[in-house]
Amino acid sequence: MLIAACTLTLSSVSVSKAQVNVNINIGAQPLWGPVGYDVVQYYYLPDLQMYYYVPSRQFVYLSNGNWLFAAGLPASYRSYNLYTGYKVVINEPKPYLHFATHKVKYAKYKGHKGKQGVIRDSKDPKYFVVKGHPRNAKGEYKQQGSSGSGNKGGNKGGHGKGKKN
């Protein structure tokens, strides 16, 4: 009986550790990304009909029938303001394979300029880890004091409508 109780306790500890150990990639997100998301794989940019892959910091766009990955926007979009353009958070692998669906589903967000809070303007300390954040540059961020308390369920994809901070 004692052995069974110890085994049950140890398995409970393992489960709770697994639940706490969540992959957070706030520091990899760009300054122009919307607030409210601890984990982001891709942004869909409805104005440009392309994606941004956060882990490799690359834009993903269709060119002559092929999906290209590039560090910068294509020349025809270089003047586009990423801070004011709407971003849809998509946390699924290779969302560009569903481009036809996303193009229709998120068309209503085209032209929604400046209606999302962006990481650069956030006063939430969890965003101070982002390279270039105004508070990071002032040395106010302390790595061990940082806490990523989660986005209260917003990691399952969404419309990038994170809280304004």
N, C-alpha and C. Protein backbone atom coordinates (compact mmCIF):
# COMPACT_ATOMS: atom_id res chain seq x y z
N MET A 1 0.83 -1.18 0.00
CA MET A 1 0.00 0.00 0.00
C MET A 1 0.88 1.25 0.00
N LEU A 2 1.92 1.25 0.81
CA LEU A 2 2.84 2.38 0.86
C LEU A 2 3.54 2.58 -0.48
N ILE A 3 3.93 1.49 -1.13
CA ILE A 3 4.59 1.57 -2.43
C ILE A 3 3.64 2.17 -3.46
N ALA A 4 2.39 1.77 -3.44
CA ALA A 4 1.40 2.30 -4.38
C ALA A 4 1.20 3.80 -4.16
N ALA A 5 1.17 4.24 -2.91
CA ALA A 5 0.99 5.66 -2.60
C ALA A 5 2.19 6.47 -3.09
N CYS A 6 3.41 5.93 -2.89
CA CYS A 6 4.62 6.63 -3.36
C CYS A 6 4.64 6.72 -4.88
N THR A 7 4.26 5.63 -5.55
CA THR A 7 4.22 5.63 -7.01
C THR A 7 3.22 6.65 -7.52
N LEU A 8 2.05 6.71 -6.90
CA LEU A 8 1.02 7.67 -7.30
C LEU A 8 1.52 9.10 -7.10
N THR A 9 2.19 9.36 -5.98
CA THR A 9 2.73 10.68 -5.70
C THR A 9 3.78 11.07 -6.73
N LEU A 10 4.70 10.16 -7.05
CA LEU A 10 5.74 10.45 -8.03
C LEU A 10 5.15 10.72 -9.41
N SER A 11 4.14 9.98 -9.80
CA SER A 11 3.54 10.22 -11.11
C SER A 11 2.81 11.55 -11.13
N SER A 12 2.24 11.97 -10.01
CA SER A 12 1.58 13.28 -9.94
C SER A 12 2.60 14.40 -10.11
N VAL A 13 3.77 14.22 -9.50
CA VAL A 13 4.83 15.22 -9.63
C VAL A 13 5.27 15.34 -11.08
N SER A 14 5.44 14.21 -11.76
CA SER A 14 5.85 14.22 -13.16
C SER A 14 4.83 14.93 -14.03
N VAL A 15 3.55 14.68 -13.79
CA VAL A 15 2.50 15.32 -14.57
C VAL A 15 2.51 16.82 -14.35
N SER A 16 2.62 17.25 -13.08
CA SER A 16 2.59 18.69 -12.82
C SER A 16 3.82 19.39 -13.40
N LYS A 17 4.98 18.74 -13.40
CA LYS A 17 6.17 19.33 -14.01
C LYS A 17 5.96 19.51 -15.51
N ALA A 18 5.36 18.53 -16.14
CA ALA A 18 5.13 18.61 -17.58
C ALA A 18 4.16 19.74 -17.92
N GLN A 19 3.20 19.98 -17.06
CA GLN A 19 2.23 21.03 -17.31
C GLN A 19 2.83 22.42 -17.12
N VAL A 20 3.80 22.56 -16.25
CA VAL A 20 4.42 23.85 -15.99
C VAL A 20 5.45 24.19 -17.06
N ASN A 21 6.12 23.19 -17.60
CA ASN A 21 7.18 23.40 -18.58
C ASN A 21 6.58 23.68 -19.96
N VAL A 22 6.20 24.94 -20.20
CA VAL A 22 5.58 25.35 -21.46
C VAL A 22 6.60 26.13 -22.27
N ASN A 23 6.62 25.88 -23.56
CA ASN A 23 7.54 26.61 -24.44
C ASN A 23 7.05 28.04 -24.62
N ILE A 24 7.84 28.99 -24.20
CA ILE A 24 7.51 30.41 -24.33
C ILE A 24 8.54 31.03 -25.25
N ASN A 25 8.09 31.74 -26.28
CA ASN A 25 9.04 32.36 -27.19
C ASN A 25 8.84 33.87 -27.32
N ILE A 26 8.50 34.51 -26.22
CA ILE A 26 8.28 35.96 -26.23
C ILE A 26 9.51 36.68 -26.77
N GLY A 27 10.69 36.30 -26.33
CA GLY A 27 11.92 36.97 -26.75
C GLY A 27 12.21 36.86 -28.23
N ALA A 28 11.63 35.88 -28.91
CA ALA A 28 11.85 35.71 -30.36
C ALA A 28 10.87 36.52 -31.20
N GLN A 29 9.81 37.01 -30.57
CA GLN A 29 8.79 37.74 -31.32
C GLN A 29 9.31 39.13 -31.69
N PRO A 30 8.91 39.64 -32.85
CA PRO A 30 9.38 40.96 -33.28
C PRO A 30 8.69 42.08 -32.50
N LEU A 31 9.32 43.23 -32.45
CA LEU A 31 8.74 44.39 -31.77
C LEU A 31 7.37 44.76 -32.32
N TRP A 32 7.14 44.49 -33.59
CA TRP A 32 5.87 44.84 -34.22
C TRP A 32 4.79 43.78 -34.03
N GLY A 33 5.12 42.69 -33.31
CA GLY A 33 4.14 41.63 -33.05
C GLY A 33 3.08 42.10 -32.07
N PRO A 34 1.87 41.52 -32.15
CA PRO A 34 0.80 41.92 -31.23
C PRO A 34 1.06 41.39 -29.82
N VAL A 35 0.62 42.15 -28.82
CA VAL A 35 0.75 41.71 -27.43
C VAL A 35 -0.31 40.66 -27.12
N GLY A 36 -0.05 39.89 -26.07
CA GLY A 36 -1.02 38.93 -25.59
C GLY A 36 -0.70 37.49 -25.90
N TYR A 37 0.46 37.23 -26.47
CA TYR A 37 0.81 35.86 -26.87
C TYR A 37 2.18 35.49 -26.35
N ASP A 38 2.24 34.40 -25.56
CA ASP A 38 3.52 33.91 -25.06
C ASP A 38 4.20 33.01 -26.08
N VAL A 39 3.42 32.39 -26.94
CA VAL A 39 3.95 31.50 -27.97
C VAL A 39 3.35 31.89 -29.31
N VAL A 40 4.21 32.10 -30.28
CA VAL A 40 3.76 32.41 -31.64
C VAL A 40 4.66 31.65 -32.61
N GLN A 41 4.05 30.90 -33.51
CA GLN A 41 4.81 30.26 -34.58
C GLN A 41 4.81 31.15 -35.82
N TYR A 42 3.62 31.57 -36.23
CA TYR A 42 3.49 32.39 -37.44
C TYR A 42 2.54 33.55 -37.21
N TYR A 43 2.77 34.62 -37.93
CA TYR A 43 1.77 35.68 -38.09
C TYR A 43 1.31 35.61 -39.54
N TYR A 44 0.02 35.75 -39.75
CA TYR A 44 -0.49 35.94 -41.11
C TYR A 44 -0.75 37.43 -41.25
N LEU A 45 -0.25 38.02 -42.32
CA LEU A 45 -0.39 39.46 -42.57
C LEU A 45 -1.42 39.64 -43.68
N PRO A 46 -2.69 39.88 -43.32
CA PRO A 46 -3.75 39.95 -44.34
C PRO A 46 -3.52 41.04 -45.39
N ASP A 47 -2.95 42.17 -45.01
CA ASP A 47 -2.71 43.24 -45.98
C ASP A 47 -1.76 42.80 -47.09
N LEU A 48 -0.81 41.95 -46.73
CA LEU A 48 0.22 41.52 -47.68
C LEU A 48 -0.01 40.11 -48.22
N GLN A 49 -0.95 39.40 -47.62
CA GLN A 49 -1.24 38.01 -47.96
C GLN A 49 0.03 37.15 -47.90
N MET A 50 0.71 37.29 -46.77
CA MET A 50 1.92 36.49 -46.53
C MET A 50 2.02 36.18 -45.05
N TYR A 51 3.02 35.41 -44.69
CA TYR A 51 3.24 34.98 -43.32
C TYR A 51 4.59 35.47 -42.82
N TYR A 52 4.74 35.44 -41.50
CA TYR A 52 6.04 35.69 -40.88
C TYR A 52 6.28 34.53 -39.93
N TYR A 53 7.40 33.83 -40.11
CA TYR A 53 7.75 32.69 -39.28
C TYR A 53 8.64 33.17 -38.15
N VAL A 54 8.11 33.20 -36.93
CA VAL A 54 8.81 33.78 -35.78
C VAL A 54 10.11 33.06 -35.44
N PRO A 55 10.15 31.73 -35.32
CA PRO A 55 11.40 31.08 -34.91
C PRO A 55 12.61 31.41 -35.78
N SER A 56 12.42 31.55 -37.08
CA SER A 56 13.57 31.86 -37.95
C SER A 56 13.58 33.32 -38.41
N ARG A 57 12.59 34.10 -37.94
CA ARG A 57 12.48 35.53 -38.28
C ARG A 57 12.48 35.75 -39.79
N GLN A 58 11.60 35.03 -40.47
CA GLN A 58 11.54 35.12 -41.92
C GLN A 58 10.11 35.34 -42.41
N PHE A 59 10.00 36.14 -43.45
CA PHE A 59 8.73 36.33 -44.13
C PHE A 59 8.57 35.16 -45.10
N VAL A 60 7.34 34.70 -45.23
CA VAL A 60 7.03 33.57 -46.11
C VAL A 60 5.98 34.07 -47.09
N TYR A 61 6.33 34.09 -48.37
CA TYR A 61 5.40 34.62 -49.36
C TYR A 61 5.46 33.83 -50.65
N LEU A 62 4.36 33.92 -51.37
CA LEU A 62 4.20 33.19 -52.63
C LEU A 62 4.81 34.00 -53.77
N SER A 63 5.66 33.35 -54.54
CA SER A 63 6.28 33.99 -55.70
C SER A 63 6.36 32.97 -56.83
N ASN A 64 5.68 33.26 -57.92
CA ASN A 64 5.67 32.35 -59.09
C ASN A 64 5.30 30.91 -58.71
N GLY A 65 4.32 30.78 -57.81
CA GLY A 65 3.84 29.45 -57.43
C GLY A 65 4.65 28.74 -56.37
N ASN A 66 5.70 29.38 -55.85
CA ASN A 66 6.55 28.78 -54.81
C ASN A 66 6.54 29.63 -53.55
N TRP A 67 6.57 28.96 -52.40
CA TRP A 67 6.67 29.69 -51.14
C TRP A 67 8.13 29.97 -50.84
N LEU A 68 8.46 31.23 -50.69
CA LEU A 68 9.83 31.66 -50.40
C LEU A 68 9.94 32.13 -48.96
N PHE A 69 11.09 31.88 -48.35
CA PHE A 69 11.40 32.36 -47.00
C PHE A 69 12.49 33.41 -47.16
N ALA A 70 12.27 34.60 -46.61
CA ALA A 70 13.24 35.68 -46.75
C ALA A 70 13.32 36.50 -45.47
N ALA A 71 14.50 37.03 -45.18
CA ALA A 71 14.71 37.83 -43.98
C ALA A 71 13.96 39.16 -44.02
N GLY A 72 13.70 39.66 -45.21
CA GLY A 72 13.01 40.94 -45.34
C GLY A 72 11.79 40.83 -46.23
N LEU A 73 11.01 41.89 -46.22
CA LEU A 73 9.84 41.94 -47.10
C LEU A 73 10.28 42.02 -48.55
N PRO A 74 9.46 41.52 -49.47
CA PRO A 74 9.77 41.70 -50.89
C PRO A 74 9.83 43.19 -51.22
N ALA A 75 10.59 43.55 -52.23
CA ALA A 75 10.81 44.95 -52.60
C ALA A 75 9.50 45.73 -52.74
N SER A 76 8.49 45.11 -53.29
CA SER A 76 7.22 45.82 -53.52
C SER A 76 6.48 46.17 -52.22
N TYR A 77 6.89 45.58 -51.09
CA TYR A 77 6.23 45.85 -49.80
C TYR A 77 7.16 46.51 -48.78
N ARG A 78 8.33 46.93 -49.18
CA ARG A 78 9.31 47.47 -48.22
C ARG A 78 8.80 48.69 -47.46
N SER A 79 7.87 49.44 -48.02
CA SER A 79 7.37 50.63 -47.34
C SER A 79 6.19 50.31 -46.40
N TYR A 80 5.79 49.06 -46.33
CA TYR A 80 4.66 48.66 -45.49
C TYR A 80 5.03 48.81 -44.01
N ASN A 81 4.13 49.37 -43.21
CA ASN A 81 4.38 49.58 -41.79
C ASN A 81 3.89 48.36 -41.00
N LEU A 82 4.81 47.54 -40.56
CA LEU A 82 4.47 46.33 -39.81
C LEU A 82 3.88 46.63 -38.43
N TYR A 83 4.16 47.81 -37.89
CA TYR A 83 3.63 48.18 -36.58
C TYR A 83 2.13 48.45 -36.62
N THR A 84 1.65 49.00 -37.71
CA THR A 84 0.23 49.34 -37.78
C THR A 84 -0.60 48.30 -38.52
N GLY A 85 0.02 47.46 -39.32
CA GLY A 85 -0.72 46.42 -40.04
C GLY A 85 -1.21 45.33 -39.11
N TYR A 86 -2.33 44.75 -39.45
CA TYR A 86 -2.94 43.72 -38.62
C TYR A 86 -2.19 42.39 -38.76
N LYS A 87 -2.03 41.68 -37.65
CA LYS A 87 -1.38 40.38 -37.63
C LYS A 87 -2.32 39.35 -37.02
N VAL A 88 -2.44 38.21 -37.66
CA VAL A 88 -3.22 37.09 -37.13
C VAL A 88 -2.23 36.04 -36.65
N VAL A 89 -2.34 35.64 -35.39
CA VAL A 89 -1.45 34.63 -34.83
C VAL A 89 -1.95 33.25 -35.26
N ILE A 90 -1.04 32.47 -35.83
CA ILE A 90 -1.37 31.11 -36.26
C ILE A 90 -0.31 30.17 -35.70
N ASN A 91 -0.74 29.28 -34.83
CA ASN A 91 0.16 28.31 -34.23
C ASN A 91 -0.12 26.92 -34.77
N GLU A 92 0.30 26.72 -35.98
CA GLU A 92 0.21 25.42 -36.63
C GLU A 92 1.39 25.32 -37.59
N PRO A 93 1.87 24.12 -37.84
CA PRO A 93 3.00 23.98 -38.76
C PRO A 93 2.58 24.29 -40.20
N LYS A 94 3.45 24.97 -40.91
CA LYS A 94 3.28 25.28 -42.33
C LYS A 94 1.89 25.81 -42.69
N PRO A 95 1.46 26.89 -42.07
CA PRO A 95 0.11 27.40 -42.35
C PRO A 95 -0.06 27.86 -43.80
N TYR A 96 1.03 28.18 -44.46
CA TYR A 96 0.95 28.62 -45.85
C TYR A 96 0.38 27.54 -46.76
N LEU A 97 0.37 26.29 -46.30
CA LEU A 97 -0.26 25.22 -47.07
C LEU A 97 -1.79 25.37 -47.07
N HIS A 98 -2.28 26.22 -46.17
CA HIS A 98 -3.72 26.51 -46.08
C HIS A 98 -4.00 27.96 -46.48
N PHE A 99 -3.14 28.51 -47.30
CA PHE A 99 -3.24 29.92 -47.69
C PHE A 99 -4.60 30.28 -48.26
N ALA A 100 -5.15 29.45 -49.12
CA ALA A 100 -6.45 29.77 -49.75
C ALA A 100 -7.53 29.98 -48.68
N THR A 101 -7.50 29.16 -47.65
CA THR A 101 -8.46 29.30 -46.54
C THR A 101 -8.19 30.57 -45.75
N HIS A 102 -6.93 30.82 -45.40
CA HIS A 102 -6.58 32.00 -44.61
C HIS A 102 -6.89 33.29 -45.36
N LYS A 103 -6.64 33.29 -46.64
CA LYS A 103 -6.89 34.48 -47.46
C LYS A 103 -8.36 34.91 -47.37
N VAL A 104 -9.26 33.94 -47.40
CA VAL A 104 -10.69 34.23 -47.30
C VAL A 104 -11.09 34.52 -45.85
N LYS A 105 -10.66 33.66 -44.94
CA LYS A 105 -11.05 33.76 -43.53
C LYS A 105 -10.62 35.08 -42.90
N TYR A 106 -9.43 35.56 -43.24
CA TYR A 106 -8.90 36.76 -42.59
C TYR A 106 -8.95 38.01 -43.47
N ALA A 107 -9.64 37.94 -44.58
CA ALA A 107 -9.77 39.11 -45.47
C ALA A 107 -10.41 40.29 -44.74
N LYS A 108 -11.27 40.02 -43.78
CA LYS A 108 -11.95 41.09 -43.04
C LYS A 108 -10.97 41.94 -42.22
N TYR A 109 -9.75 41.46 -42.02
CA TYR A 109 -8.76 42.22 -41.24
C TYR A 109 -7.87 43.10 -42.11
N LYS A 110 -8.05 43.04 -43.41
CA LYS A 110 -7.26 43.91 -44.30
C LYS A 110 -7.62 45.36 -44.00
N GLY A 111 -6.61 46.20 -43.90
CA GLY A 111 -6.84 47.62 -43.66
C GLY A 111 -7.14 47.99 -42.22
N HIS A 112 -7.05 47.06 -41.28
CA HIS A 112 -7.28 47.37 -39.86
C HIS A 112 -6.00 47.97 -39.27
N LYS A 113 -5.70 49.16 -39.63
CA LYS A 113 -4.45 49.80 -39.21
C LYS A 113 -4.49 50.26 -37.76
N GLY A 114 -3.45 49.93 -37.02
CA GLY A 114 -3.26 50.44 -35.67
C GLY A 114 -4.27 49.98 -34.64
N LYS A 115 -4.97 48.88 -34.88
CA LYS A 115 -5.99 48.43 -33.95
C LYS A 115 -5.49 47.32 -33.02
N GLN A 116 -4.20 47.06 -33.03
CA GLN A 116 -3.60 46.07 -32.14
C GLN A 116 -2.48 46.74 -31.36
N GLY A 117 -2.40 46.40 -30.07
CA GLY A 117 -1.24 46.83 -29.32
C GLY A 117 -0.04 46.01 -29.78
N VAL A 118 1.12 46.65 -29.88
CA VAL A 118 2.32 45.94 -30.32
C VAL A 118 3.33 45.85 -29.18
N ILE A 119 4.20 44.86 -29.26
CA ILE A 119 5.18 44.59 -28.22
C ILE A 119 6.03 45.81 -27.90
N ARG A 120 6.46 46.54 -28.90
CA ARG A 120 7.30 47.72 -28.68
C ARG A 120 6.67 48.71 -27.71
N ASP A 121 5.35 48.86 -27.75
CA ASP A 121 4.66 49.85 -26.94
C ASP A 121 4.13 49.30 -25.62
N SER A 122 4.33 48.02 -25.37
CA SER A 122 3.80 47.39 -24.16
C SER A 122 4.60 47.78 -22.92
N LYS A 123 3.89 47.97 -21.83
CA LYS A 123 4.52 48.26 -20.54
C LYS A 123 4.60 46.99 -19.68
N ASP A 124 4.14 45.87 -20.22
CA ASP A 124 4.18 44.60 -19.50
C ASP A 124 5.63 44.11 -19.45
N PRO A 125 6.17 43.88 -18.25
CA PRO A 125 7.57 43.46 -18.12
C PRO A 125 7.95 42.20 -18.88
N LYS A 126 6.98 41.33 -19.16
CA LYS A 126 7.34 40.10 -19.87
C LYS A 126 7.86 40.39 -21.27
N TYR A 127 7.54 41.55 -21.82
CA TYR A 127 8.01 41.90 -23.17
C TYR A 127 9.36 42.63 -23.17
N PHE A 128 9.88 42.95 -22.00
CA PHE A 128 11.16 43.66 -21.93
C PHE A 128 12.31 42.80 -22.46
N VAL A 129 12.11 41.48 -22.57
CA VAL A 129 13.15 40.58 -23.09
C VAL A 129 13.33 40.72 -24.59
N VAL A 130 12.37 41.32 -25.27
CA VAL A 130 12.43 41.42 -26.73
C VAL A 130 13.51 42.43 -27.12
N LYS A 131 14.42 41.98 -27.96
CA LYS A 131 15.52 42.84 -28.41
C LYS A 131 14.96 44.11 -29.05
N GLY A 132 15.44 45.25 -28.57
CA GLY A 132 15.00 46.53 -29.10
C GLY A 132 13.84 47.16 -28.34
N HIS A 133 13.26 46.42 -27.38
CA HIS A 133 12.16 47.00 -26.59
C HIS A 133 12.73 48.19 -25.82
N PRO A 134 12.00 49.32 -25.77
CA PRO A 134 12.52 50.51 -25.08
C PRO A 134 12.95 50.25 -23.64
N ARG A 135 12.25 49.40 -22.92
CA ARG A 135 12.62 49.11 -21.53
C ARG A 135 13.83 48.19 -21.44
N ASN A 136 14.05 47.35 -22.43
CA ASN A 136 15.22 46.48 -22.46
C ASN A 136 16.46 47.35 -22.65
N ALA A 137 16.37 48.31 -23.53
CA ALA A 137 17.50 49.19 -23.83
C ALA A 137 17.93 50.01 -22.62
N LYS A 138 16.99 50.28 -21.70
CA LYS A 138 17.30 51.07 -20.51
C LYS A 138 17.83 50.20 -19.37
N GLY A 139 17.96 48.90 -19.63
CA GLY A 139 18.49 48.01 -18.61
C GLY A 139 17.52 47.70 -17.50
N GLU A 140 16.23 47.93 -17.72
CA GLU A 140 15.25 47.66 -16.68
C GLU A 140 14.88 46.19 -16.59
N TYR A 141 15.22 45.42 -17.62
CA TYR A 141 14.87 44.00 -17.63
C TYR A 141 15.91 43.20 -16.87
N LYS A 142 15.44 42.32 -15.99
CA LYS A 142 16.33 41.42 -15.26
C LYS A 142 15.87 40.00 -15.55
N GLN A 143 16.73 39.21 -16.19
CA GLN A 143 16.36 37.87 -16.66
C GLN A 143 15.76 36.99 -15.57
N GLN A 144 16.40 36.87 -14.40
CA GLN A 144 15.88 35.96 -13.40
C GLN A 144 14.58 36.45 -12.79
N GLY A 145 14.28 37.73 -12.87
CA GLY A 145 13.04 38.26 -12.31
C GLY A 145 11.90 38.22 -13.29
N SER A 146 12.18 37.81 -14.52
CA SER A 146 11.14 37.77 -15.55
C SER A 146 10.14 36.67 -15.26
N SER A 147 8.90 36.96 -15.54
CA SER A 147 7.89 35.90 -15.40
C SER A 147 6.96 35.94 -16.59
N GLY A 148 6.76 34.79 -17.18
CA GLY A 148 5.81 34.67 -18.27
C GLY A 148 4.60 33.92 -17.73
N SER A 149 3.59 34.65 -17.32
CA SER A 149 2.46 34.02 -16.65
C SER A 149 1.46 33.40 -17.61
N GLY A 150 1.75 33.42 -18.89
CA GLY A 150 0.83 32.81 -19.85
C GLY A 150 -0.10 33.85 -20.44
N ASN A 151 -0.79 33.44 -21.48
CA ASN A 151 -1.70 34.38 -22.11
C ASN A 151 -3.14 33.94 -21.96
N LYS A 152 -3.38 33.16 -20.95
CA LYS A 152 -4.73 32.75 -20.58
C LYS A 152 -5.47 32.09 -21.74
N GLY A 153 -4.80 31.12 -22.36
CA GLY A 153 -5.45 30.35 -23.41
C GLY A 153 -5.25 30.88 -24.80
N GLY A 154 -4.59 32.00 -24.97
CA GLY A 154 -4.44 32.59 -26.29
C GLY A 154 -3.41 31.93 -27.17
N ASN A 155 -2.77 30.87 -26.71
CA ASN A 155 -1.71 30.23 -27.49
C ASN A 155 -2.24 29.26 -28.54
N LYS A 156 -3.52 29.10 -28.64
CA LYS A 156 -4.07 28.11 -29.55
C LYS A 156 -4.38 28.71 -30.91
N GLY A 157 -3.78 29.83 -31.22
CA GLY A 157 -4.09 30.52 -32.47
C GLY A 157 -5.09 31.60 -32.14
N GLY A 158 -5.38 32.43 -33.07
CA GLY A 158 -6.34 33.48 -32.79
C GLY A 158 -6.20 34.57 -33.80
N HIS A 159 -6.81 35.65 -33.49
CA HIS A 159 -6.86 36.76 -34.43
C HIS A 159 -5.90 37.87 -34.04
N GLY A 160 -4.93 37.58 -33.16
CA GLY A 160 -3.94 38.57 -32.80
C GLY A 160 -4.52 39.73 -32.04
N LYS A 161 -5.65 39.51 -31.36
CA LYS A 161 -6.30 40.59 -30.63
C LYS A 161 -5.86 40.59 -29.18
N GLY A 162 -4.59 40.47 -28.91
CA GLY A 162 -4.10 40.42 -27.55
C GLY A 162 -4.44 41.67 -26.78
N LYS A 163 -4.30 41.60 -25.45
CA LYS A 163 -4.59 42.74 -24.60
C LYS A 163 -3.69 43.91 -24.96
N LYS A 164 -4.23 45.10 -24.86
CA LYS A 164 -3.39 46.29 -25.01
C LYS A 164 -2.78 46.57 -23.66
N ASN A 165 -1.47 46.72 -23.64
CA ASN A 165 -0.77 46.98 -22.38
C ASN A 165 -0.02 48.27 -22.49
